[in-house]
């Protein structure tokens, strides 16, 4: 069985942060833990067996309207 969790730093346009947060919650395995008024977010991505890879999910996140950048901060696999 393969399981992974990754921590991301996501920078958004502050004017679109609420919209971005709403759209990120629609993605499987994605959770927004912290979002501050400057548009910075701390996000985790949990990958279960048979789901898309973390890299695919990061790509999806970076393509959400209002996202400026996405950076991998931490990853762990079992």
PDB file of N, CA and C in Angstrom:
ATOM      1  N   UNK A   1       0.842  -1.179   0.000  1.00  0.00           N
ATOM      2  CA  UNK A   1       0.000   0.000   0.000  1.00  0.00           C
ATOM      3  C   UNK A   1       0.890   1.247   0.000  1.00  0.00           C
ATOM      4  N   UNK A   2       0.510   2.238  -0.769  1.00  0.00           N
ATOM      5  CA  UNK A   2       1.272   3.479  -0.893  1.00  0.00           C
ATOM      6  C   UNK A   2       0.416   4.636  -0.396  1.00  0.00           C
ATOM      7  N   UNK A   3       0.966   5.401   0.509  1.00  0.00           N
ATOM      8  CA  UNK A   3       0.278   6.567   1.036  1.00  0.00           C
ATOM      9  C   UNK A   3       1.298   7.693   1.120  1.00  0.00           C
ATOM     10  N   UNK A   4       0.915   8.885   0.738  1.00  0.00           N
ATOM     11  CA  UNK A   4       1.823  10.018   0.897  1.00  0.00           C
ATOM     12  C   UNK A   4       1.053  11.260   1.318  1.00  0.00           C
ATOM     13  N   UNK A   5       1.761  12.109   2.019  1.00  0.00           N
ATOM     14  CA  UNK A   5       1.215  13.409   2.404  1.00  0.00           C
ATOM     15  C   UNK A   5       2.282  14.450   2.099  1.00  0.00           C
ATOM     16  N   UNK A   6       1.850  15.565   1.560  1.00  0.00           N
ATOM     17  CA  UNK A   6       2.773  16.638   1.196  1.00  0.00           C
ATOM     18  C   UNK A   6       2.246  17.963   1.723  1.00  0.00           C
ATOM     19  N   UNK A   7       3.170  18.818   2.119  1.00  0.00           N
ATOM     20  CA  UNK A   7       2.832  20.163   2.558  1.00  0.00           C
ATOM     21  C   UNK A   7       3.254  21.163   1.498  1.00  0.00           C
ATOM     22  N   UNK A   8       2.371  22.090   1.189  1.00  0.00           N
ATOM     23  CA  UNK A   8       2.637  23.078   0.147  1.00  0.00           C
ATOM     24  C   UNK A   8       2.463  24.488   0.695  1.00  0.00           C
ATOM     25  N   UNK A   9       3.236  25.394   0.138  1.00  0.00           N
ATOM     26  CA  UNK A   9       3.031  26.816   0.348  1.00  0.00           C
ATOM     27  C   UNK A   9       2.409  27.347  -0.941  1.00  0.00           C
ATOM     28  N   UNK A  10       1.239  27.950  -0.818  1.00  0.00           N
ATOM     29  CA  UNK A  10       0.528  28.458  -1.994  1.00  0.00           C
ATOM     30  C   UNK A  10       0.342  29.965  -1.831  1.00  0.00           C
ATOM     31  N   UNK A  11       0.813  30.713  -2.808  1.00  0.00           N
ATOM     32  CA  UNK A  11       0.633  32.173  -2.808  1.00  0.00           C
ATOM     33  C   UNK A  11      -0.491  32.510  -3.778  1.00  0.00           C
ATOM     34  N   UNK A  12      -1.462  33.272  -3.294  1.00  0.00           N
ATOM     35  CA  UNK A  12      -2.594  33.649  -4.130  1.00  0.00           C
ATOM     36  C   UNK A  12      -2.683  35.168  -4.239  1.00  0.00           C
ATOM     37  N   UNK A  13      -3.453  35.607  -5.198  1.00  0.00           N
ATOM     38  CA  UNK A  13      -3.818  37.016  -5.279  1.00  0.00           C
ATOM     39  C   UNK A  13      -4.730  37.276  -4.074  1.00  0.00           C
ATOM     40  N   UNK A  14      -4.362  38.195  -3.169  1.00  0.00           N
ATOM     41  CA  UNK A  14      -5.179  38.422  -1.972  1.00  0.00           C
ATOM     42  C   UNK A  14      -6.643  38.731  -2.276  1.00  0.00           C
ATOM     43  N   UNK A  15      -6.905  39.384  -3.392  1.00  0.00           N
ATOM     44  CA  UNK A  15      -8.281  39.721  -3.754  1.00  0.00           C
ATOM     45  C   UNK A  15      -9.098  38.495  -4.148  1.00  0.00           C
ATOM     46  N   UNK A  16      -8.421  37.378  -4.452  1.00  0.00           N
ATOM     47  CA  UNK A  16      -9.126  36.170  -4.902  1.00  0.00           C
ATOM     48  C   UNK A  16      -8.956  35.006  -3.925  1.00  0.00           C
ATOM     49  N   UNK A  17      -8.406  35.287  -2.742  1.00  0.00           N
ATOM     50  CA  UNK A  17      -8.080  34.223  -1.804  1.00  0.00           C
ATOM     51  C   UNK A  17      -9.296  33.387  -1.397  1.00  0.00           C
ATOM     52  N   UNK A  18     -10.407  34.000  -1.121  1.00  0.00           N
ATOM     53  CA  UNK A  18     -11.600  33.248  -0.718  1.00  0.00           C
ATOM     54  C   UNK A  18     -12.050  32.331  -1.848  1.00  0.00           C
ATOM     55  N   UNK A  19     -12.037  32.826  -3.067  1.00  0.00           N
ATOM     56  CA  UNK A  19     -12.400  32.020  -4.243  1.00  0.00           C
ATOM     57  C   UNK A  19     -11.424  30.852  -4.416  1.00  0.00           C
ATOM     58  N   UNK A  20     -10.125  31.122  -4.271  1.00  0.00           N
ATOM     59  CA  UNK A  20      -9.114  30.067  -4.404  1.00  0.00           C
ATOM     60  C   UNK A  20      -9.328  29.005  -3.331  1.00  0.00           C
ATOM     61  N   UNK A  21      -9.515  29.431  -2.095  1.00  0.00           N
ATOM     62  CA  UNK A  21      -9.728  28.489  -0.988  1.00  0.00           C
ATOM     63  C   UNK A  21     -10.936  27.597  -1.268  1.00  0.00           C
ATOM     64  N   UNK A  22     -12.005  28.186  -1.743  1.00  0.00           N
ATOM     65  CA  UNK A  22     -13.209  27.424  -2.091  1.00  0.00           C
ATOM     66  C   UNK A  22     -12.902  26.390  -3.179  1.00  0.00           C
ATOM     67  N   UNK A  23     -12.163  26.788  -4.212  1.00  0.00           N
ATOM     68  CA  UNK A  23     -11.842  25.872  -5.312  1.00  0.00           C
ATOM     69  C   UNK A  23     -10.861  24.780  -4.891  1.00  0.00           C
ATOM     70  N   UNK A  24      -9.944  25.082  -3.981  1.00  0.00           N
ATOM     71  CA  UNK A  24      -9.014  24.055  -3.509  1.00  0.00           C
ATOM     72  C   UNK A  24      -9.738  22.979  -2.711  1.00  0.00           C
ATOM     73  N   UNK A  25     -10.756  23.365  -1.955  1.00  0.00           N
ATOM     74  CA  UNK A  25     -11.520  22.388  -1.180  1.00  0.00           C
ATOM     75  C   UNK A  25     -12.257  21.388  -2.074  1.00  0.00           C
ATOM     76  N   UNK A  26     -12.454  21.718  -3.329  1.00  0.00           N
ATOM     77  CA  UNK A  26     -13.110  20.811  -4.273  1.00  0.00           C
ATOM     78  C   UNK A  26     -12.185  19.696  -4.755  1.00  0.00           C
ATOM     79  N   UNK A  27     -10.862  19.871  -4.588  1.00  0.00           N
ATOM     80  CA  UNK A  27      -9.894  18.891  -5.075  1.00  0.00           C
ATOM     81  C   UNK A  27      -9.732  17.762  -4.061  1.00  0.00           C
ATOM     82  N   UNK A  28      -9.741  16.540  -4.541  1.00  0.00           N
ATOM     83  CA  UNK A  28      -9.610  15.365  -3.685  1.00  0.00           C
ATOM     84  C   UNK A  28      -8.276  15.366  -2.947  1.00  0.00           C
ATOM     85  N   UNK A  29      -8.334  15.172  -1.624  1.00  0.00           N
ATOM     86  CA  UNK A  29      -7.128  15.061  -0.816  1.00  0.00           C
ATOM     87  C   UNK A  29      -6.482  16.373  -0.439  1.00  0.00           C
ATOM     88  N   UNK A  30      -7.080  17.495  -0.842  1.00  0.00           N
ATOM     89  CA  UNK A  30      -6.485  18.815  -0.582  1.00  0.00           C
ATOM     90  C   UNK A  30      -7.187  19.466   0.607  1.00  0.00           C
ATOM     91  N   UNK A  31      -6.380  19.989   1.533  1.00  0.00           N
ATOM     92  CA  UNK A  31      -6.929  20.698   2.682  1.00  0.00           C
ATOM     93  C   UNK A  31      -6.137  21.981   2.911  1.00  0.00           C
ATOM     94  N   UNK A  32      -6.850  23.086   3.083  1.00  0.00           N
ATOM     95  CA  UNK A  32      -6.224  24.373   3.397  1.00  0.00           C
ATOM     96  C   UNK A  32      -6.218  24.510   4.916  1.00  0.00           C
ATOM     97  N   UNK A  33      -5.028  24.659   5.499  1.00  0.00           N
ATOM     98  CA  UNK A  33      -4.908  24.743   6.956  1.00  0.00           C
ATOM     99  C   UNK A  33      -4.819  26.181   7.439  1.00  0.00           C
ATOM    100  N   UNK A  34      -4.100  27.006   6.699  1.00  0.00           N
ATOM    101  CA  UNK A  34      -3.926  28.410   7.076  1.00  0.00           C
ATOM    102  C   UNK A  34      -4.049  29.263   5.819  1.00  0.00           C
ATOM    103  N   UNK A  35      -4.772  30.368   5.947  1.00  0.00           N
ATOM    104  CA  UNK A  35      -4.866  31.345   4.855  1.00  0.00           C
ATOM    105  C   UNK A  35      -4.835  32.724   5.502  1.00  0.00           C
ATOM    106  N   UNK A  36      -3.817  33.521   5.159  1.00  0.00           N
ATOM    107  CA  UNK A  36      -3.746  34.848   5.766  1.00  0.00           C
ATOM    108  C   UNK A  36      -4.131  35.933   4.761  1.00  0.00           C
ATOM    109  N   UNK A  37      -4.422  37.130   5.239  1.00  0.00           N
ATOM    110  CA  UNK A  37      -4.911  38.203   4.368  1.00  0.00           C
ATOM    111  C   UNK A  37      -3.974  38.592   3.225  1.00  0.00           C
ATOM    112  N   UNK A  38      -2.680  38.262   3.347  1.00  0.00           N
ATOM    113  CA  UNK A  38      -1.741  38.600   2.273  1.00  0.00           C
ATOM    114  C   UNK A  38      -1.827  37.618   1.104  1.00  0.00           C
ATOM    115  N   UNK A  39      -2.646  36.553   1.261  1.00  0.00           N
ATOM    116  CA  UNK A  39      -2.820  35.576   0.186  1.00  0.00           C
ATOM    117  C   UNK A  39      -1.992  34.320   0.343  1.00  0.00           C
ATOM    118  N   UNK A  40      -1.243  34.209   1.428  1.00  0.00           N
ATOM    119  CA  UNK A  40      -0.429  33.011   1.662  1.00  0.00           C
ATOM    120  C   UNK A  40      -1.276  31.915   2.291  1.00  0.00           C
ATOM    121  N   UNK A  41      -1.072  30.675   1.800  1.00  0.00           N
ATOM    122  CA  UNK A  41      -1.808  29.527   2.323  1.00  0.00           C
ATOM    123  C   UNK A  41      -0.856  28.378   2.625  1.00  0.00           C
ATOM    124  N   UNK A  42      -1.195  27.620   3.663  1.00  0.00           N
ATOM    125  CA  UNK A  42      -0.530  26.357   3.954  1.00  0.00           C
ATOM    126  C   UNK A  42      -1.539  25.271   3.616  1.00  0.00           C
ATOM    127  N   UNK A  43      -1.129  24.368   2.709  1.00  0.00           N
ATOM    128  CA  UNK A  43      -2.034  23.360   2.152  1.00  0.00           C
ATOM    129  C   UNK A  43      -1.382  21.988   2.280  1.00  0.00           C
ATOM    130  N   UNK A  44      -2.189  20.967   2.591  1.00  0.00           N
ATOM    131  CA  UNK A  44      -1.682  19.599   2.520  1.00  0.00           C
ATOM    132  C   UNK A  44      -2.399  18.850   1.410  1.00  0.00           C
ATOM    133  N   UNK A  45      -1.674  17.884   0.855  1.00  0.00           N
ATOM    134  CA  UNK A  45      -2.219  16.997  -0.170  1.00  0.00           C
ATOM    135  C   UNK A  45      -1.992  15.575   0.311  1.00  0.00           C
ATOM    136  N   UNK A  46      -3.074  14.816   0.496  1.00  0.00           N
ATOM    137  CA  UNK A  46      -2.984  13.415   0.882  1.00  0.00           C
ATOM    138  C   UNK A  46      -3.290  12.565  -0.334  1.00  0.00           C
ATOM    139  N   UNK A  47      -2.405  11.623  -0.603  1.00  0.00           N
ATOM    140  CA  UNK A  47      -2.559  10.736  -1.762  1.00  0.00           C
ATOM    141  C   UNK A  47      -2.796   9.315  -1.270  1.00  0.00           C
ATOM    142  N   UNK A  48      -3.898   8.727  -1.686  1.00  0.00           N
ATOM    143  CA  UNK A  48      -4.234   7.344  -1.359  1.00  0.00           C
ATOM    144  C   UNK A  48      -3.914   6.464  -2.558  1.00  0.00           C
ATOM    145  N   UNK A  49      -3.764   5.157  -2.341  1.00  0.00           N
ATOM    146  CA  UNK A  49      -3.504   4.255  -3.473  1.00  0.00           C
ATOM    147  C   UNK A  49      -4.577   4.393  -4.551  1.00  0.00           C
ATOM    148  N   UNK A  50      -4.151   4.452  -5.798  1.00  0.00           N
ATOM    149  CA  UNK A  50      -5.078   4.520  -6.921  1.00  0.00           C
ATOM    150  C   UNK A  50      -5.528   5.918  -7.287  1.00  0.00           C
ATOM    151  N   UNK A  51      -5.172   6.916  -6.480  1.00  0.00           N
ATOM    152  CA  UNK A  51      -5.538   8.292  -6.801  1.00  0.00           C
ATOM    153  C   UNK A  51      -4.454   8.928  -7.654  1.00  0.00           C
ATOM    154  N   UNK A  52      -4.756  10.094  -8.185  1.00  0.00           N
ATOM    155  CA  UNK A  52      -3.752  10.807  -8.988  1.00  0.00           C
ATOM    156  C   UNK A  52      -2.541  11.112  -8.115  1.00  0.00           C
ATOM    157  N   UNK A  53      -1.427  11.334  -8.746  1.00  0.00           N
ATOM    158  CA  UNK A  53      -0.201  11.579  -7.988  1.00  0.00           C
ATOM    159  C   UNK A  53      -0.183  12.989  -7.418  1.00  0.00           C
ATOM    160  N   UNK A  54       0.662  13.188  -6.425  1.00  0.00           N
ATOM    161  CA  UNK A  54       0.802  14.487  -5.800  1.00  0.00           C
ATOM    162  C   UNK A  54       1.222  15.538  -6.821  1.00  0.00           C
ATOM    163  N   UNK A  55       2.088  15.152  -7.752  1.00  0.00           N
ATOM    164  CA  UNK A  55       2.532  16.096  -8.786  1.00  0.00           C
ATOM    165  C   UNK A  55       1.342  16.551  -9.633  1.00  0.00           C
ATOM    166  N   UNK A  56       0.452  15.629  -9.973  1.00  0.00           N
ATOM    167  CA  UNK A  56      -0.749  15.996 -10.730  1.00  0.00           C
ATOM    168  C   UNK A  56      -1.620  16.963  -9.930  1.00  0.00           C
ATOM    169  N   UNK A  57      -1.756  16.701  -8.630  1.00  0.00           N
ATOM    170  CA  UNK A  57      -2.566  17.579  -7.785  1.00  0.00           C
ATOM    171  C   UNK A  57      -1.916  18.952  -7.658  1.00  0.00           C
ATOM    172  N   UNK A  58      -0.582  18.993  -7.527  1.00  0.00           N
ATOM    173  CA  UNK A  58       0.114  20.290  -7.490  1.00  0.00           C
ATOM    174  C   UNK A  58      -0.123  21.075  -8.771  1.00  0.00           C
ATOM    175  N   UNK A  59      -0.118  20.370  -9.892  1.00  0.00           N
ATOM    176  CA  UNK A  59      -0.383  21.026 -11.177  1.00  0.00           C
ATOM    177  C   UNK A  59      -1.794  21.596 -11.190  1.00  0.00           C
ATOM    178  N   UNK A  60      -2.756  20.818 -10.696  1.00  0.00           N
ATOM    179  CA  UNK A  60      -4.137  21.309 -10.626  1.00  0.00           C
ATOM    180  C   UNK A  60      -4.226  22.560  -9.755  1.00  0.00           C
ATOM    181  N   UNK A  61      -3.548  22.531  -8.615  1.00  0.00           N
ATOM    182  CA  UNK A  61      -3.572  23.684  -7.709  1.00  0.00           C
ATOM    183  C   UNK A  61      -2.998  24.916  -8.405  1.00  0.00           C
ATOM    184  N   UNK A  62      -1.879  24.743  -9.090  1.00  0.00           N
ATOM    185  CA  UNK A  62      -1.238  25.889  -9.743  1.00  0.00           C
ATOM    186  C   UNK A  62      -2.080  26.465 -10.873  1.00  0.00           C
ATOM    187  N   UNK A  63      -3.021  25.669 -11.395  1.00  0.00           N
ATOM    188  CA  UNK A  63      -3.874  26.130 -12.486  1.00  0.00           C
ATOM    189  C   UNK A  63      -5.178  26.768 -12.009  1.00  0.00           C
ATOM    190  N   UNK A  64      -5.415  26.776 -10.703  1.00  0.00           N
ATOM    191  CA  UNK A  64      -6.613  27.421 -10.165  1.00  0.00           C
ATOM    192  C   UNK A  64      -6.466  28.933 -10.355  1.00  0.00           C
ATOM    193  N   UNK A  65      -7.499  29.558 -10.892  1.00  0.00           N
ATOM    194  CA  UNK A  65      -7.473  31.010 -11.106  1.00  0.00           C
ATOM    195  C   UNK A  65      -7.217  31.726  -9.787  1.00  0.00           C
ATOM    196  N   UNK A  66      -6.250  32.633  -9.787  1.00  0.00           N
ATOM    197  CA  UNK A  66      -5.903  33.382  -8.588  1.00  0.00           C
ATOM    198  C   UNK A  66      -4.670  32.864  -7.874  1.00  0.00           C
ATOM    199  N   UNK A  67      -4.198  31.656  -8.238  1.00  0.00           N
ATOM    200  CA  UNK A  67      -2.971  31.118  -7.646  1.00  0.00           C
ATOM    201  C   UNK A  67      -1.775  31.718  -8.381  1.00  0.00           C
ATOM    202  N   UNK A  68      -0.843  32.276  -7.621  1.00  0.00           N
ATOM    203  CA  UNK A  68       0.358  32.877  -8.197  1.00  0.00           C
ATOM    204  C   UNK A  68       1.492  31.866  -8.231  1.00  0.00           C
ATOM    205  N   UNK A  69       1.680  31.126  -7.125  1.00  0.00           N
ATOM    206  CA  UNK A  69       2.749  30.125  -7.078  1.00  0.00           C
ATOM    207  C   UNK A  69       2.395  29.010  -6.104  1.00  0.00           C
ATOM    208  N   UNK A  70       2.996  27.852  -6.340  1.00  0.00           N
ATOM    209  CA  UNK A  70       2.830  26.682  -5.481  1.00  0.00           C
ATOM    210  C   UNK A  70       4.211  26.087  -5.255  1.00  0.00           C
ATOM    211  N   UNK A  71       4.574  25.870  -3.990  1.00  0.00           N
ATOM    212  CA  UNK A  71       5.896  25.321  -3.680  1.00  0.00           C
ATOM    213  C   UNK A  71       5.764  24.134  -2.735  1.00  0.00           C
ATOM    214  N   UNK A  72       6.452  23.048  -3.060  1.00  0.00           N
ATOM    215  CA  UNK A  72       6.494  21.873  -2.204  1.00  0.00           C
ATOM    216  C   UNK A  72       7.420  22.169  -1.028  1.00  0.00           C
ATOM    217  N   UNK A  73       6.905  21.984   0.194  1.00  0.00           N
ATOM    218  CA  UNK A  73       7.682  22.260   1.391  1.00  0.00           C
ATOM    219  C   UNK A  73       8.088  20.966   2.091  1.00  0.00           C
ATOM    220  N   UNK A  74       7.207  19.951   2.058  1.00  0.00           N
ATOM    221  CA  UNK A  74       7.442  18.710   2.794  1.00  0.00           C
ATOM    222  C   UNK A  74       6.710  17.581   2.097  1.00  0.00           C
ATOM    223  N   UNK A  75       7.313  16.385   2.127  1.00  0.00           N
ATOM    224  CA  UNK A  75       6.618  15.204   1.628  1.00  0.00           C
ATOM    225  C   UNK A  75       7.035  13.987   2.445  1.00  0.00           C
ATOM    226  N   UNK A  76       6.100  13.080   2.663  1.00  0.00           N
ATOM    227  CA  UNK A  76       6.353  11.842   3.400  1.00  0.00           C
ATOM    228  C   UNK A  76       5.572  10.727   2.720  1.00  0.00           C
ATOM    229  N   UNK A  77       6.230   9.569   2.547  1.00  0.00           N
ATOM    230  CA  UNK A  77       5.576   8.418   1.917  1.00  0.00           C
ATOM    231  C   UNK A  77       5.730   7.188   2.787  1.00  0.00           C
ATOM    232  N   UNK A  78       4.697   6.357   2.782  1.00  0.00           N
ATOM    233  CA  UNK A  78       4.743   5.062   3.476  1.00  0.00           C
ATOM    234  C   UNK A  78       4.348   3.982   2.519  1.00  0.00           C
TER     235      UNK A  78
END
